[in-house]
Amino acid sequence: AAGAMAPAGGARADARTRGSGSCVAVRQRWALLLSTVALVAIGVIGGVVIEGWSFLTALYVIVQIITTIGYGDVLVDCDAMRLFMTVYVLLCLLVVANFVNLLLDSFFSQRMRMLQRRLVNMEVACNKGIRNAKEAQNACGKFNSVAVAGLGFLLAIISGTVFYRLAEGCTCSYGTTRGDMTLHGCDPTSYKKCVATGGVTHTWISAVYMSVITVTTVGFGDFTPKSYAGRAFGIFWMTLGVAATGVFLSRMSSLLAPDSGESGAGAADINEEIFQHMDKDGNGFLTKAEYTRYILVKQGYLPLEVLQEIDDAYERMDAGRTGRLTFAAIRHAAQAEVREEKAALAASGPVAGTSADA
């Protein structure tokens, strides 16, 4: 009965530990969320009060900071704002950008998994050589991941191109940007009047160019959102577009990089010679620890020299070669190391003294 109760007690303890860890994670996320909202609000207020920007322009600039696009179309003109931005940009990158990355990673991951499942089902249905979802995942998993991420990347570029070509075919801008570009005489009442009075125009080429330069965070700044609608749309489009680009580049890198994680890890890859090499103590059995250490070295995650240092340190503590360590044994080994250091210092003392006297 006691033996039966022990696992149940252990399971309850594990559940309590997981529950406690989950609560801590939730509190950390809420703290990060509140910090992000506070920092964004502080940045917007700073832009409105110090620089005299409108709410929309201030938020538009904050999004440029978070995404690191940095068009440079809205400039900081006074020293007070420059000092404010010096501190604010660092805080933004540490707190706000981290939270946005976590949020968007979760957002994209869920939708990518859904699309990848659909691709896998299509591959099973259309390819007679693939019998189930696992085989489809093994055969095409990385390509599916790149295809789905690439779709998000293309959607970001296409949506930006279409929107800015149509919504900002010609614009007179507003606020400080209008003054900086000397567009005071621009007439926005119609497309023809806008063009005739010197408004800023977009062609399909300039729109796709701006979209690519933006979502890749190159941000040259020669073409930027200038209208109310363009900046309102840009606040969301820049954030999602930069995130989609990051996901696509990550998936593409994993496809192009040599994959060292698929060889030597499965049962089919272990022959008798490899088994003997993995069986460190030579007892004819392969423990989980022996298997793990072999794979870590084989895949390059752990250098052999470091593993040897770990083994040497363990054997120094395990003086009785029992393969198990108690806290008392660890403390005994620590005391022995201290005694050895003292003995070495004592042995070197007279030599140093004699040399000095001579």
Foldseek 3Di string as FASTA:
>chain_A
DVVVVVVVVVVVVVVVVVVVVVVVVVVVLVVLVVLQVVLLVVQLVCCCPVVVDDSLVSSLVLLCLLLLLCLCLDDDDDPVVVVVCVVSSVVSNVRVNVSLLVVLVVVLVVVLVVQLVVVLVVCCVPPVVDPDSVSSCVVCVLVSQLVSLVVLLVVLLVVQLVCCCVVPQWDCFDDPSNVVVVSPQADPPDPVSRVVSPTDGDDSVNRSVVSVSQLCSVNNNPDAQGHSVSSVVCSVSSSSSVSSVVSNVVSVCVVPDDDLPPAPLDPVRDDPVNVCVLPVVRPPDHDPVSSVVVSCCSSVVDPPVRVVVVVVVVCLLPVVPPPDHDPVSVVVSVVVVVVVVVVVCVVCVVVVVVVVVD
